[in-house]
Every structure is written in structure tokens, then in C-alpha cells.
């Protein structure tokens, strides 16, 4: 399974901007620290600018709005998450096994992540729009990431050459729903149950 952590064009743009603009990287580092420590509601662009050692004008020049800054910070952490996920499932021989284990790893990592997990626990009503109605970029980045892997599996494993994007989006939406509302008949904190769920309901989608 080839590592490709920036299947999303927007994620690629953020990575390129960081490489070309050390100030943008410093602002995103500061935003990550600020949002992790105090959450989104209690953090302002001024707070991030102060932590980064730049003016608020500099932040607005690069990100225009607080929403854009939050989105860019989330996307950068998603890119790092893709790297960890790739590493966790790379040794598994089939896409079916990678989907099952990837689902479990995604739930575990997101809940334990200082920013993602912290926001989901402390400010779910604030972070919710970035994962749903305002979450076009974050959702799209994750769908594109999974689509790329499904497409490569089609080539390697001889699966039907059909557009894997709908399956990828369905899998991502299922995972997000469990992250936003983990209570239910399936105990997702139990990795064996989460693995059994993914094997029974998600893996068969590969052949849908």
C-alpha cells in the first residue's frame, strides 16, 4: 500500500504553502497549540497571532478568516493522521484487511489525538460544523485519501474497475458518525467489537 498522504488538492496546497512560507508554518503551529490548549470557542485570531509572534494582519493575509485558519489546522493534522494510518496498515496483505484495521486505528487515533479528541469531548457543538455542514474540505480530503487507496487496490488485487469514490465516501461518513456519536448498540471503545463491525459491514462494500 503506497503512502500518499496528500491525495487532497487542498491538503497539497497547505503542505506546499508551509514549505514555501515559514510564517504560515509558524502560524499553523501556533494555531494547533492554541486550539489544543483552549479550544476553538475561547481562541481568537489575535491569540494565535500573539502565540506565533506575528501581527493579526499577517494571519489574515494568509488565511483570511478564523474559519479558514481552523480548517487549515485540521487539514494539516489530517495529513499527519494519514501518515500514521498508512504505517499502521501497510503490512496487511489485502484491502479488506486494511479497511477493517484502518477503521479501528482511525477511531483510536482520533479519540486519543490532543486536538481532535479534545475538541470532540469538550466542544462537540463547535467542532461539529467543521466535520459536517462546513466540513467540505476535511471530508473531501479524507474521501480523496481513501479513494486513492481503493483505486490502487483495484489495480493490485484485480477488483472491478469502477469508481471507488462512492464507497470511500460512505465509509468515511460511517466513521465520522461513530466519532460524533459513539453511543449505540455497538461498543466502539471495544476494538474487537469495532473490528467485527468493520469486517461485517464495511469490508463487504468493497465488492458492492
Foldseek 3Di string as FASTA:
>chain_A
DDQDLFLDPVLVVLVVCVVVPVLSVLLLVLVQVVCLVPNDVPDDLCSSCVSSVHHSVVVCVVQVHSVSSVLSSVSPVSSVVSVVLCVVQVPPDAPLVSQLVSLLSVLVCQCPPSNNVVCLVPPLVVCVCCVPVVVPRVLVRQLSSVQVVLQVRCVVVVADNDRCSVLSSVSSVVSVVCSNPVDDPFNSVPSVSSSVCCSVPNSCSSND
